[in-house]
Amino acid sequence: MKTQRYTLHGHWLQTSTATGRLSMEDPNLQCVEHMVEFKIDSNDSDMELYKENWLLVTADYSQIELRLMAHFSKDQSLIDLLTKPLGDVFNMITAKWSGKEESLVGPKGRDQTKRLIYGILYGMGADDARDKIQSFKRSFPGVASWLIDAVAICHKKGYVETLMGRKRFLAKVKFGNSEEKSKASICQGSVADIIKVAMITIHVVIGEGVD
């Protein structure tokens, strides 16, 4: 109603997840599934669209989990694809492991590869995509070796470490449980580390002023 004004604020949760990633509640604005369209009356004097001298900053972490997979696994084929200046990385990966020409990779194939990679990292849908996962691992043997080593190290130590040395203890891994968590925690936890440090750095830079 024109006589009412609403402000929507989610609540950031800094330490609620085991991997360390940021989460949000009341409401969770990180999980907005569809674009929301707003119809704004430009003549509405009560509508604050911007504030003078304010700066809106957005940051995108391009395929950060995939890049961390390449970093940890040291798979040269994956590293080479990610360091190419041009081209869609998921199209290139699809062409690599499926044996297709990159020009023949369609949106469906790209989407399947993206889902497959996250499935490998986070243990989603392994039974349904077992053959594809094995094919992917044959094309990127460094990734396959790293995944085995990650679980083995977790079995030995009882914990995994992120890129910045933060530990997540997974005692149940010794009983055959938490193997998928060990792989997920390394990448997802490292993503959390990088993003939080970046947010702090950006906040400091903005606080000091920008030209």
N, C-alpha and C. Protein backbone atom coordinates (compact mmCIF):
# COMPACT_ATOMS: atom_id res chain seq x y z
N MET A 1 0.84 -1.20 0.00
CA MET A 1 0.00 0.00 0.00
C MET A 1 0.87 1.24 0.00
N LYS A 2 0.39 2.30 -0.62
CA LYS A 2 1.19 3.52 -0.72
C LYS A 2 1.46 4.16 0.62
N THR A 3 0.60 3.83 1.60
CA THR A 3 0.78 4.44 2.92
C THR A 3 1.77 3.66 3.78
N GLN A 4 2.28 2.54 3.25
CA GLN A 4 3.20 1.70 4.03
C GLN A 4 4.54 1.58 3.31
N ARG A 5 5.60 1.43 4.09
CA ARG A 5 6.94 1.25 3.53
C ARG A 5 7.56 0.00 4.13
N TYR A 6 8.27 -0.75 3.31
CA TYR A 6 8.87 -2.00 3.76
C TYR A 6 10.37 -2.00 3.48
N THR A 7 11.11 -2.50 4.42
CA THR A 7 12.54 -2.71 4.24
C THR A 7 12.84 -4.17 4.55
N LEU A 8 13.52 -4.83 3.66
CA LEU A 8 13.80 -6.26 3.81
C LEU A 8 15.26 -6.46 4.19
N HIS A 9 15.49 -7.06 5.34
CA HIS A 9 16.85 -7.32 5.81
C HIS A 9 16.99 -8.78 6.21
N GLY A 10 17.88 -9.50 5.53
CA GLY A 10 18.20 -10.85 5.98
C GLY A 10 19.23 -10.77 7.09
N HIS A 11 19.35 -11.82 7.86
CA HIS A 11 20.32 -11.87 8.96
C HIS A 11 21.47 -12.80 8.58
N TRP A 12 22.67 -12.25 8.47
CA TRP A 12 23.84 -13.06 8.15
C TRP A 12 24.22 -13.92 9.35
N LEU A 13 24.53 -15.18 9.08
CA LEU A 13 24.98 -16.10 10.12
C LEU A 13 26.44 -16.45 9.81
N GLN A 14 27.33 -15.98 10.64
CA GLN A 14 28.76 -16.11 10.36
C GLN A 14 29.33 -17.49 10.70
N THR A 15 28.75 -18.15 11.68
CA THR A 15 29.37 -19.39 12.17
C THR A 15 28.38 -20.55 12.27
N SER A 16 27.31 -20.52 11.49
CA SER A 16 26.27 -21.54 11.64
C SER A 16 26.51 -22.79 10.81
N THR A 17 27.41 -22.72 9.82
CA THR A 17 27.65 -23.88 8.96
C THR A 17 28.97 -24.55 9.32
N ALA A 18 29.01 -25.86 9.14
CA ALA A 18 30.21 -26.62 9.49
C ALA A 18 31.39 -26.28 8.59
N THR A 19 31.12 -25.92 7.32
CA THR A 19 32.20 -25.61 6.40
C THR A 19 32.71 -24.18 6.55
N GLY A 20 31.93 -23.33 7.22
CA GLY A 20 32.35 -21.95 7.42
C GLY A 20 31.74 -20.97 6.44
N ARG A 21 30.96 -21.46 5.48
CA ARG A 21 30.37 -20.53 4.51
C ARG A 21 29.31 -19.67 5.19
N LEU A 22 29.08 -18.51 4.61
CA LEU A 22 28.05 -17.62 5.12
C LEU A 22 26.66 -18.19 4.83
N SER A 23 25.75 -18.00 5.75
CA SER A 23 24.36 -18.37 5.51
C SER A 23 23.48 -17.22 5.98
N MET A 24 22.20 -17.33 5.67
CA MET A 24 21.29 -16.23 5.97
C MET A 24 19.93 -16.79 6.34
N GLU A 25 19.21 -16.04 7.16
CA GLU A 25 17.87 -16.45 7.54
C GLU A 25 16.98 -15.22 7.72
N ASP A 26 15.69 -15.46 7.74
CA ASP A 26 14.67 -14.42 8.01
C ASP A 26 14.77 -13.16 7.17
N PRO A 27 14.72 -13.23 5.84
CA PRO A 27 14.65 -14.42 4.99
C PRO A 27 16.03 -14.78 4.45
N ASN A 28 16.11 -15.95 3.82
CA ASN A 28 17.35 -16.38 3.18
C ASN A 28 17.39 -15.81 1.76
N LEU A 29 18.04 -14.68 1.59
CA LEU A 29 18.09 -14.01 0.29
C LEU A 29 19.11 -14.65 -0.64
N GLN A 30 19.88 -15.62 -0.13
CA GLN A 30 20.83 -16.33 -0.99
C GLN A 30 20.14 -17.37 -1.84
N CYS A 31 18.92 -17.71 -1.51
CA CYS A 31 18.21 -18.79 -2.21
C CYS A 31 16.95 -18.28 -2.90
N VAL A 32 17.07 -17.14 -3.58
CA VAL A 32 15.97 -16.64 -4.37
C VAL A 32 16.03 -17.35 -5.72
N GLU A 33 15.06 -18.21 -6.01
CA GLU A 33 15.16 -19.09 -7.16
C GLU A 33 14.91 -18.38 -8.49
N HIS A 34 14.06 -17.38 -8.49
CA HIS A 34 13.69 -16.73 -9.74
C HIS A 34 13.89 -15.22 -9.63
N MET A 35 14.06 -14.62 -10.79
CA MET A 35 14.15 -13.16 -10.82
C MET A 35 12.85 -12.56 -10.31
N VAL A 36 12.97 -11.56 -9.49
CA VAL A 36 11.80 -10.87 -8.96
C VAL A 36 11.65 -9.54 -9.68
N GLU A 37 10.48 -9.32 -10.24
CA GLU A 37 10.24 -8.08 -10.97
C GLU A 37 9.54 -7.06 -10.07
N PHE A 38 10.03 -5.85 -10.10
CA PHE A 38 9.44 -4.77 -9.31
C PHE A 38 8.90 -3.71 -10.26
N LYS A 39 7.69 -3.29 -10.02
CA LYS A 39 7.11 -2.18 -10.77
C LYS A 39 7.18 -0.95 -9.89
N ILE A 40 7.96 0.02 -10.30
CA ILE A 40 8.21 1.19 -9.47
C ILE A 40 7.58 2.42 -10.09
N ASP A 41 6.84 3.12 -9.30
CA ASP A 41 6.23 4.38 -9.73
C ASP A 41 7.26 5.49 -9.55
N SER A 42 7.77 5.99 -10.65
CA SER A 42 8.85 6.99 -10.58
C SER A 42 8.39 8.30 -9.95
N ASN A 43 7.08 8.46 -9.84
CA ASN A 43 6.56 9.70 -9.24
C ASN A 43 6.34 9.58 -7.73
N ASP A 44 6.65 8.41 -7.19
CA ASP A 44 6.43 8.17 -5.76
C ASP A 44 7.58 8.80 -4.98
N SER A 45 7.32 9.88 -4.31
CA SER A 45 8.37 10.62 -3.60
C SER A 45 8.88 9.85 -2.38
N ASP A 46 8.12 8.83 -1.91
CA ASP A 46 8.55 8.07 -0.74
C ASP A 46 9.51 6.93 -1.11
N MET A 47 9.66 6.67 -2.42
CA MET A 47 10.51 5.57 -2.84
C MET A 47 11.97 6.01 -2.90
N GLU A 48 12.81 5.41 -2.07
CA GLU A 48 14.23 5.74 -2.06
C GLU A 48 14.96 4.74 -2.95
N LEU A 49 15.26 5.13 -4.17
CA LEU A 49 15.95 4.23 -5.11
C LEU A 49 17.46 4.28 -4.91
N TYR A 50 17.98 5.36 -4.42
CA TYR A 50 19.41 5.49 -4.22
C TYR A 50 19.67 6.61 -3.24
N LYS A 51 20.87 6.67 -2.76
CA LYS A 51 21.28 7.79 -1.91
C LYS A 51 22.47 8.46 -2.58
N GLU A 52 22.49 9.75 -2.53
CA GLU A 52 23.56 10.51 -3.17
C GLU A 52 24.91 10.16 -2.56
N ASN A 53 25.89 9.96 -3.44
CA ASN A 53 27.27 9.64 -3.07
C ASN A 53 27.41 8.23 -2.49
N TRP A 54 26.39 7.39 -2.64
CA TRP A 54 26.52 5.99 -2.22
C TRP A 54 27.08 5.19 -3.39
N LEU A 55 27.74 4.08 -3.07
CA LEU A 55 28.33 3.22 -4.09
C LEU A 55 27.85 1.79 -3.89
N LEU A 56 27.29 1.20 -4.94
CA LEU A 56 26.86 -0.20 -4.89
C LEU A 56 27.95 -1.06 -5.51
N VAL A 57 28.45 -2.03 -4.76
CA VAL A 57 29.54 -2.87 -5.23
C VAL A 57 29.06 -4.32 -5.32
N THR A 58 29.32 -4.95 -6.44
CA THR A 58 29.01 -6.38 -6.59
C THR A 58 30.30 -7.10 -6.97
N ALA A 59 30.41 -8.34 -6.52
CA ALA A 59 31.60 -9.14 -6.83
C ALA A 59 31.17 -10.55 -7.21
N ASP A 60 31.77 -11.08 -8.25
CA ASP A 60 31.43 -12.42 -8.72
C ASP A 60 32.68 -13.29 -8.65
N TYR A 61 32.54 -14.45 -8.03
CA TYR A 61 33.66 -15.38 -7.91
C TYR A 61 33.48 -16.45 -8.98
N SER A 62 34.17 -16.26 -10.11
CA SER A 62 33.95 -17.08 -11.29
C SER A 62 34.42 -18.52 -11.09
N GLN A 63 33.44 -19.46 -11.07
CA GLN A 63 33.73 -20.90 -10.94
C GLN A 63 34.76 -21.19 -9.85
N ILE A 64 34.55 -20.60 -8.68
CA ILE A 64 35.58 -20.69 -7.65
C ILE A 64 35.81 -22.12 -7.16
N GLU A 65 34.74 -22.93 -7.04
CA GLU A 65 34.93 -24.32 -6.61
C GLU A 65 35.74 -25.10 -7.63
N LEU A 66 35.44 -24.87 -8.91
CA LEU A 66 36.16 -25.56 -9.98
C LEU A 66 37.64 -25.17 -9.97
N ARG A 67 37.91 -23.91 -9.74
CA ARG A 67 39.30 -23.44 -9.72
C ARG A 67 40.05 -23.99 -8.51
N LEU A 68 39.35 -24.14 -7.41
CA LEU A 68 39.99 -24.75 -6.24
C LEU A 68 40.23 -26.24 -6.47
N MET A 69 39.32 -26.89 -7.19
CA MET A 69 39.55 -28.29 -7.55
C MET A 69 40.83 -28.43 -8.37
N ALA A 70 41.03 -27.51 -9.30
CA ALA A 70 42.26 -27.52 -10.10
C ALA A 70 43.48 -27.25 -9.24
N HIS A 71 43.35 -26.32 -8.31
CA HIS A 71 44.47 -25.97 -7.43
C HIS A 71 44.89 -27.15 -6.56
N PHE A 72 43.91 -27.79 -5.92
CA PHE A 72 44.23 -28.89 -5.01
C PHE A 72 44.69 -30.14 -5.77
N SER A 73 44.06 -30.42 -6.90
CA SER A 73 44.37 -31.66 -7.63
C SER A 73 45.62 -31.53 -8.49
N LYS A 74 45.95 -30.27 -8.85
CA LYS A 74 47.09 -30.01 -9.75
C LYS A 74 46.94 -30.76 -11.07
N ASP A 75 45.69 -31.00 -11.49
CA ASP A 75 45.43 -31.65 -12.76
C ASP A 75 45.77 -30.68 -13.89
N GLN A 76 46.78 -31.02 -14.67
CA GLN A 76 47.29 -30.09 -15.67
C GLN A 76 46.27 -29.78 -16.76
N SER A 77 45.49 -30.79 -17.16
CA SER A 77 44.48 -30.55 -18.20
C SER A 77 43.44 -29.55 -17.73
N LEU A 78 43.01 -29.70 -16.49
CA LEU A 78 42.02 -28.78 -15.94
C LEU A 78 42.61 -27.38 -15.78
N ILE A 79 43.84 -27.30 -15.32
CA ILE A 79 44.51 -26.01 -15.17
C ILE A 79 44.64 -25.31 -16.52
N ASP A 80 45.01 -26.07 -17.56
CA ASP A 80 45.15 -25.49 -18.90
C ASP A 80 43.83 -24.91 -19.40
N LEU A 81 42.74 -25.62 -19.16
CA LEU A 81 41.43 -25.13 -19.61
C LEU A 81 41.04 -23.85 -18.87
N LEU A 82 41.33 -23.81 -17.58
CA LEU A 82 40.93 -22.66 -16.77
C LEU A 82 41.79 -21.43 -17.04
N THR A 83 42.96 -21.62 -17.60
CA THR A 83 43.84 -20.47 -17.87
C THR A 83 43.70 -19.94 -19.28
N LYS A 84 42.80 -20.55 -20.07
CA LYS A 84 42.55 -20.01 -21.41
C LYS A 84 41.78 -18.70 -21.28
N PRO A 85 42.23 -17.67 -22.01
CA PRO A 85 41.59 -16.36 -21.86
C PRO A 85 40.17 -16.29 -22.40
N LEU A 86 39.85 -17.11 -23.39
CA LEU A 86 38.54 -17.05 -24.02
C LEU A 86 37.86 -18.42 -23.96
N GLY A 87 36.55 -18.40 -24.06
CA GLY A 87 35.81 -19.65 -24.09
C GLY A 87 35.09 -19.92 -22.78
N ASP A 88 34.01 -20.68 -22.88
CA ASP A 88 33.24 -21.07 -21.71
C ASP A 88 33.87 -22.31 -21.10
N VAL A 89 34.27 -22.23 -19.84
CA VAL A 89 35.03 -23.31 -19.23
C VAL A 89 34.23 -24.60 -19.16
N PHE A 90 32.94 -24.52 -18.89
CA PHE A 90 32.14 -25.75 -18.80
C PHE A 90 31.93 -26.39 -20.17
N ASN A 91 31.86 -25.57 -21.22
CA ASN A 91 31.82 -26.11 -22.57
C ASN A 91 33.12 -26.83 -22.91
N MET A 92 34.24 -26.22 -22.51
CA MET A 92 35.54 -26.82 -22.80
C MET A 92 35.72 -28.13 -22.05
N ILE A 93 35.29 -28.16 -20.80
CA ILE A 93 35.41 -29.39 -20.01
C ILE A 93 34.52 -30.48 -20.59
N THR A 94 33.31 -30.10 -21.01
CA THR A 94 32.40 -31.06 -21.61
C THR A 94 33.02 -31.68 -22.86
N ALA A 95 33.61 -30.85 -23.70
CA ALA A 95 34.26 -31.33 -24.91
C ALA A 95 35.42 -32.26 -24.58
N LYS A 96 36.17 -31.93 -23.52
CA LYS A 96 37.33 -32.72 -23.13
C LYS A 96 36.94 -34.13 -22.68
N TRP A 97 35.98 -34.23 -21.78
CA TRP A 97 35.69 -35.55 -21.22
C TRP A 97 34.69 -36.36 -22.05
N SER A 98 33.92 -35.68 -22.91
CA SER A 98 32.95 -36.41 -23.73
C SER A 98 33.49 -36.73 -25.12
N GLY A 99 34.61 -36.12 -25.50
CA GLY A 99 35.20 -36.38 -26.82
C GLY A 99 34.52 -35.64 -27.95
N LYS A 100 33.67 -34.65 -27.63
CA LYS A 100 32.98 -33.88 -28.65
C LYS A 100 33.77 -32.64 -29.02
N GLU A 101 33.46 -32.09 -30.20
CA GLU A 101 33.99 -30.79 -30.55
C GLU A 101 33.29 -29.74 -29.67
N GLU A 102 34.03 -28.74 -29.28
CA GLU A 102 33.45 -27.73 -28.40
C GLU A 102 32.25 -27.04 -29.04
N SER A 103 32.29 -26.87 -30.36
CA SER A 103 31.19 -26.21 -31.06
C SER A 103 29.91 -27.04 -31.04
N LEU A 104 30.03 -28.33 -30.75
CA LEU A 104 28.86 -29.22 -30.72
C LEU A 104 28.26 -29.36 -29.33
N VAL A 105 28.87 -28.73 -28.34
CA VAL A 105 28.37 -28.80 -26.97
C VAL A 105 27.22 -27.81 -26.81
N GLY A 106 26.04 -28.32 -26.47
CA GLY A 106 24.87 -27.47 -26.30
C GLY A 106 24.63 -27.10 -24.85
N PRO A 107 23.64 -26.27 -24.60
CA PRO A 107 23.32 -25.86 -23.23
C PRO A 107 23.03 -27.03 -22.30
N LYS A 108 22.37 -28.06 -22.80
CA LYS A 108 22.04 -29.22 -21.97
C LYS A 108 23.30 -29.95 -21.53
N GLY A 109 24.22 -30.15 -22.48
CA GLY A 109 25.48 -30.82 -22.14
C GLY A 109 26.30 -30.01 -21.17
N ARG A 110 26.32 -28.69 -21.35
CA ARG A 110 27.04 -27.81 -20.43
C ARG A 110 26.46 -27.91 -19.03
N ASP A 111 25.13 -27.88 -18.94
CA ASP A 111 24.47 -27.94 -17.64
C ASP A 111 24.73 -29.27 -16.95
N GLN A 112 24.74 -30.36 -17.71
CA GLN A 112 25.01 -31.68 -17.14
C GLN A 112 26.43 -31.76 -16.58
N THR A 113 27.38 -31.16 -17.31
CA THR A 113 28.77 -31.16 -16.83
C THR A 113 28.90 -30.34 -15.55
N LYS A 114 28.24 -29.20 -15.51
CA LYS A 114 28.29 -28.36 -14.30
C LYS A 114 27.73 -29.12 -13.10
N ARG A 115 26.60 -29.80 -13.30
CA ARG A 115 26.00 -30.58 -12.22
C ARG A 115 26.90 -31.73 -11.82
N LEU A 116 27.55 -32.33 -12.82
CA LEU A 116 28.45 -33.47 -12.57
C LEU A 116 29.62 -33.05 -11.69
N ILE A 117 30.21 -31.90 -11.98
CA ILE A 117 31.37 -31.42 -11.22
C ILE A 117 30.98 -31.16 -9.77
N TYR A 118 29.84 -30.50 -9.57
CA TYR A 118 29.40 -30.26 -8.20
C TYR A 118 29.01 -31.57 -7.52
N GLY A 119 28.53 -32.52 -8.30
CA GLY A 119 28.23 -33.83 -7.74
C GLY A 119 29.49 -34.54 -7.26
N ILE A 120 30.57 -34.41 -8.01
CA ILE A 120 31.85 -35.01 -7.62
C ILE A 120 32.38 -34.35 -6.35
N LEU A 121 32.27 -33.02 -6.29
CA LEU A 121 32.80 -32.29 -5.14
C LEU A 121 31.97 -32.50 -3.88
N TYR A 122 30.65 -32.54 -4.06
CA TYR A 122 29.77 -32.54 -2.89
C TYR A 122 28.97 -33.82 -2.71
N GLY A 123 29.23 -34.83 -3.57
CA GLY A 123 28.59 -36.12 -3.38
C GLY A 123 27.13 -36.16 -3.75
N MET A 124 26.72 -35.35 -4.73
CA MET A 124 25.31 -35.31 -5.11
C MET A 124 25.06 -36.21 -6.31
N GLY A 125 24.12 -37.12 -6.17
CA GLY A 125 23.67 -37.93 -7.29
C GLY A 125 24.71 -38.86 -7.87
N ALA A 126 25.61 -39.38 -7.04
CA ALA A 126 26.68 -40.23 -7.55
C ALA A 126 26.15 -41.50 -8.19
N ASP A 127 25.10 -42.10 -7.62
CA ASP A 127 24.56 -43.35 -8.16
C ASP A 127 23.98 -43.15 -9.55
N ASP A 128 23.29 -42.04 -9.76
CA ASP A 128 22.65 -41.77 -11.04
C ASP A 128 23.66 -41.43 -12.13
N ALA A 129 24.80 -40.93 -11.75
CA ALA A 129 25.78 -40.47 -12.74
C ALA A 129 27.11 -41.20 -12.63
N ARG A 130 27.07 -42.44 -12.13
CA ARG A 130 28.32 -43.16 -11.86
C ARG A 130 29.20 -43.29 -13.10
N ASP A 131 28.60 -43.68 -14.23
CA ASP A 131 29.38 -43.89 -15.45
C ASP A 131 29.99 -42.57 -15.94
N LYS A 132 29.21 -41.50 -15.87
CA LYS A 132 29.71 -40.20 -16.31
C LYS A 132 30.83 -39.71 -15.41
N ILE A 133 30.68 -39.94 -14.11
CA ILE A 133 31.72 -39.54 -13.16
C ILE A 133 33.02 -40.28 -13.44
N GLN A 134 32.93 -41.58 -13.71
CA GLN A 134 34.13 -42.36 -14.01
C GLN A 134 34.78 -41.87 -15.31
N SER A 135 33.95 -41.53 -16.30
CA SER A 135 34.48 -41.01 -17.55
C SER A 135 35.19 -39.68 -17.33
N PHE A 136 34.59 -38.82 -16.50
CA PHE A 136 35.20 -37.53 -16.18
C PHE A 136 36.54 -37.73 -15.49
N LYS A 137 36.60 -38.66 -14.55
CA LYS A 137 37.84 -38.91 -13.81
C LYS A 137 38.93 -39.45 -14.71
N ARG A 138 38.55 -40.24 -15.72
CA ARG A 138 39.56 -40.73 -16.66
C ARG A 138 40.14 -39.59 -17.49
N SER A 139 39.31 -38.59 -17.77
CA SER A 139 39.79 -37.45 -18.55
C SER A 139 40.63 -36.49 -17.71
N PHE A 140 40.38 -36.49 -16.40
CA PHE A 140 41.12 -35.62 -15.49
C PHE A 140 41.66 -36.47 -14.33
N PRO A 141 42.71 -37.26 -14.61
CA PRO A 141 43.24 -38.20 -13.60
C PRO A 141 43.77 -37.53 -12.34
N GLY A 142 44.24 -36.29 -12.47
CA GLY A 142 44.72 -35.59 -11.29
C GLY A 142 43.60 -35.35 -10.30
N VAL A 143 42.41 -35.06 -10.81
CA VAL A 143 41.24 -34.87 -9.94
C VAL A 143 40.90 -36.17 -9.23
N ALA A 144 40.91 -37.28 -10.00
CA ALA A 144 40.60 -38.59 -9.42
C ALA A 144 41.56 -38.95 -8.29
N SER A 145 42.85 -38.69 -8.49
CA SER A 145 43.86 -39.00 -7.47
C SER A 145 43.67 -38.14 -6.23
N TRP A 146 43.38 -36.86 -6.45
CA TRP A 146 43.19 -35.95 -5.31
C TRP A 146 42.00 -36.37 -4.46
N LEU A 147 40.91 -36.77 -5.10
CA LEU A 147 39.72 -37.18 -4.35
C LEU A 147 40.02 -38.38 -3.47
N ILE A 148 40.80 -39.32 -4.00
CA ILE A 148 41.19 -40.51 -3.21
C ILE A 148 42.09 -40.09 -2.06
N ASP A 149 43.06 -39.22 -2.36
CA ASP A 149 44.02 -38.78 -1.33
C ASP A 149 43.32 -37.98 -0.22
N ALA A 150 42.34 -37.17 -0.61
CA ALA A 150 41.62 -36.36 0.38
C ALA A 150 40.94 -37.24 1.41
N VAL A 151 40.30 -38.29 0.94
CA VAL A 151 39.62 -39.21 1.86
C VAL A 151 40.64 -39.97 2.70
N ALA A 152 41.74 -40.39 2.07
CA ALA A 152 42.77 -41.15 2.79
C ALA A 152 43.40 -40.32 3.91
N ILE A 153 43.69 -39.06 3.62
CA ILE A 153 44.29 -38.17 4.63
C ILE A 153 43.31 -37.94 5.77
N CYS A 154 42.03 -37.79 5.42
CA CYS A 154 41.02 -37.60 6.45
C CYS A 154 40.90 -38.83 7.33
N HIS A 155 40.99 -40.01 6.73
CA HIS A 155 40.98 -41.27 7.50
C HIS A 155 42.15 -41.30 8.49
N LYS A 156 43.30 -40.85 8.02
CA LYS A 156 44.50 -40.90 8.84
C LYS A 156 44.49 -39.88 9.97
N LYS A 157 44.10 -38.64 9.65
CA LYS A 157 44.17 -37.56 10.62
C LYS A 157 42.88 -37.33 11.39
N GLY A 158 41.77 -37.71 10.77
CA GLY A 158 40.47 -37.45 11.40
C GLY A 158 39.94 -36.06 11.11
N TYR A 159 40.63 -35.31 10.24
CA TYR A 159 40.17 -33.97 9.87
C TYR A 159 40.70 -33.60 8.50
N VAL A 160 40.11 -32.57 7.92
CA VAL A 160 40.60 -32.00 6.67
C VAL A 160 40.95 -30.54 6.91
N GLU A 161 41.77 -29.98 6.02
CA GLU A 161 42.17 -28.58 6.14
C GLU A 161 41.77 -27.80 4.92
N THR A 162 41.38 -26.55 5.13
CA THR A 162 41.07 -25.66 4.02
C THR A 162 42.35 -25.04 3.50
N LEU A 163 42.18 -24.24 2.46
CA LEU A 163 43.33 -23.57 1.84
C LEU A 163 44.10 -22.73 2.84
N MET A 164 43.41 -22.15 3.82
CA MET A 164 44.04 -21.27 4.80
C MET A 164 44.31 -21.95 6.13
N GLY A 165 44.25 -23.28 6.12
CA GLY A 165 44.65 -24.03 7.30
C GLY A 165 43.58 -24.26 8.35
N ARG A 166 42.34 -23.89 8.06
CA ARG A 166 41.26 -24.13 9.02
C ARG A 166 40.89 -25.60 8.98
N LYS A 167 40.71 -26.20 10.13
CA LYS A 167 40.46 -27.64 10.22
C LYS A 167 38.99 -27.94 10.48
N ARG A 168 38.51 -29.02 9.85
CA ARG A 168 37.19 -29.55 10.19
C ARG A 168 37.38 -31.01 10.58
N PHE A 169 37.04 -31.33 11.80
CA PHE A 169 37.21 -32.70 12.30
C PHE A 169 36.03 -33.56 11.90
N LEU A 170 36.34 -34.73 11.33
CA LEU A 170 35.33 -35.67 10.86
C LEU A 170 35.67 -37.05 11.40
N ALA A 171 35.48 -37.23 12.68
CA ALA A 171 35.87 -38.48 13.35
C ALA A 171 35.15 -39.69 12.77
N LYS A 172 33.92 -39.51 12.30
CA LYS A 172 33.14 -40.65 11.81
C LYS A 172 33.67 -41.21 10.49
N VAL A 173 34.59 -40.48 9.85
CA VAL A 173 35.14 -40.97 8.59
C VAL A 173 35.87 -42.30 8.77
N LYS A 174 36.38 -42.53 9.98
CA LYS A 174 37.10 -43.78 10.25
C LYS A 174 36.17 -44.99 10.29
N PHE A 175 34.88 -44.73 10.39
CA PHE A 175 33.90 -45.80 10.41
C PHE A 175 33.16 -45.91 9.08
N GLY A 176 33.74 -45.30 8.05
CA GLY A 176 33.14 -45.38 6.73
C GLY A 176 32.13 -44.29 6.44
N ASN A 177 31.96 -43.36 7.36
CA ASN A 177 31.03 -42.26 7.15
C ASN A 177 31.81 -40.98 6.84
N SER A 178 31.11 -40.00 6.36
CA SER A 178 31.65 -38.65 6.17
C SER A 178 32.71 -38.54 5.07
N GLU A 179 32.84 -39.55 4.20
CA GLU A 179 33.84 -39.45 3.14
C GLU A 179 33.50 -38.33 2.16
N GLU A 180 32.20 -38.20 1.83
CA GLU A 180 31.81 -37.11 0.94
C GLU A 180 32.01 -35.76 1.61
N LYS A 181 31.76 -35.71 2.93
CA LYS A 181 31.96 -34.46 3.66
C LYS A 181 33.42 -34.04 3.64
N SER A 182 34.33 -35.01 3.64
CA SER A 182 35.76 -34.67 3.65
C SER A 182 36.15 -33.95 2.38
N LYS A 183 35.60 -34.41 1.23
CA LYS A 183 35.91 -33.75 -0.03
C LYS A 183 35.21 -32.40 -0.13
N ALA A 184 33.96 -32.36 0.30
CA ALA A 184 33.19 -31.11 0.22
C ALA A 184 33.79 -30.05 1.12
N SER A 185 34.25 -30.45 2.30
CA SER A 185 34.74 -29.48 3.28
C SER A 185 36.00 -28.79 2.81
N ILE A 186 36.85 -29.50 2.07
CA ILE A 186 38.09 -28.89 1.59
C ILE A 186 37.79 -27.75 0.63
N CYS A 187 36.95 -28.01 -0.37
CA CYS A 187 36.63 -26.97 -1.35
C CYS A 187 35.66 -25.94 -0.80
N GLN A 188 34.55 -26.39 -0.22
CA GLN A 188 33.56 -25.44 0.27
C GLN A 188 34.13 -24.60 1.41
N GLY A 189 34.93 -25.21 2.26
CA GLY A 189 35.56 -24.47 3.34
C GLY A 189 36.57 -23.46 2.83
N SER A 190 37.31 -23.84 1.79
CA SER A 190 38.29 -22.92 1.20
C SER A 190 37.59 -21.76 0.51
N VAL A 191 36.46 -22.04 -0.14
CA VAL A 191 35.66 -20.98 -0.74
C VAL A 191 35.23 -19.99 0.33
N ALA A 192 34.77 -20.52 1.46
CA ALA A 192 34.34 -19.66 2.57
C ALA A 192 35.48 -18.78 3.06
N ASP A 193 36.66 -19.37 3.19
CA ASP A 193 37.84 -18.61 3.63
C ASP A 193 38.12 -17.44 2.68
N ILE A 194 38.19 -17.76 1.40
CA ILE A 194 38.55 -16.76 0.39
C ILE A 194 37.52 -15.63 0.36
N ILE A 195 36.24 -15.99 0.36
CA ILE A 195 35.19 -14.99 0.25
C ILE A 195 35.16 -14.08 1.48
N LYS A 196 35.32 -14.67 2.67
CA LYS A 196 35.28 -13.85 3.88
C LYS A 196 36.47 -12.89 3.94
N VAL A 197 37.64 -13.38 3.56
CA VAL A 197 38.82 -12.50 3.54
C VAL A 197 38.63 -11.39 2.51
N ALA A 198 38.07 -11.75 1.34
CA ALA A 198 37.83 -10.75 0.30
C ALA A 198 36.83 -9.70 0.77
N MET A 199 35.77 -10.14 1.46
CA MET A 199 34.77 -9.19 1.96
C MET A 199 35.38 -8.21 2.95
N ILE A 200 36.23 -8.71 3.82
CA ILE A 200 36.89 -7.84 4.80
C ILE A 200 37.82 -6.85 4.09
N THR A 201 38.58 -7.35 3.11
CA THR A 201 39.50 -6.49 2.37
C THR A 201 38.75 -5.40 1.62
N ILE A 202 37.66 -5.79 0.95
CA ILE A 202 36.86 -4.81 0.21
C ILE A 202 36.27 -3.77 1.15
N HIS A 203 35.81 -4.21 2.31
CA HIS A 203 35.23 -3.30 3.29
C HIS A 203 36.28 -2.28 3.76
N VAL A 204 37.49 -2.73 3.96
CA VAL A 204 38.55 -1.84 4.40
C VAL A 204 38.87 -0.81 3.31
N VAL A 205 38.96 -1.29 2.06
CA VAL A 205 39.25 -0.39 0.95
C VAL A 205 38.17 0.67 0.80
N ILE A 206 36.90 0.24 0.87
CA ILE A 206 35.78 1.19 0.75
C ILE A 206 35.79 2.17 1.92
N GLY A 207 36.10 1.67 3.11
CA GLY A 207 36.12 2.53 4.28
C GLY A 207 37.19 3.61 4.19
N GLU A 208 38.30 3.29 3.51
CA GLU A 208 39.38 4.26 3.36
C GLU A 208 39.11 5.22 2.22
N GLY A 209 38.10 4.87 1.41
CA GLY A 209 37.73 5.75 0.29
C GLY A 209 38.25 5.23 -1.02
N VAL A 210 37.51 5.47 -2.07
CA VAL A 210 37.92 5.07 -3.41
C VAL A 210 37.92 6.28 -4.33
N ASP A 211 38.83 6.28 -5.28
CA ASP A 211 38.92 7.40 -6.23
C ASP A 211 37.86 7.27 -7.32
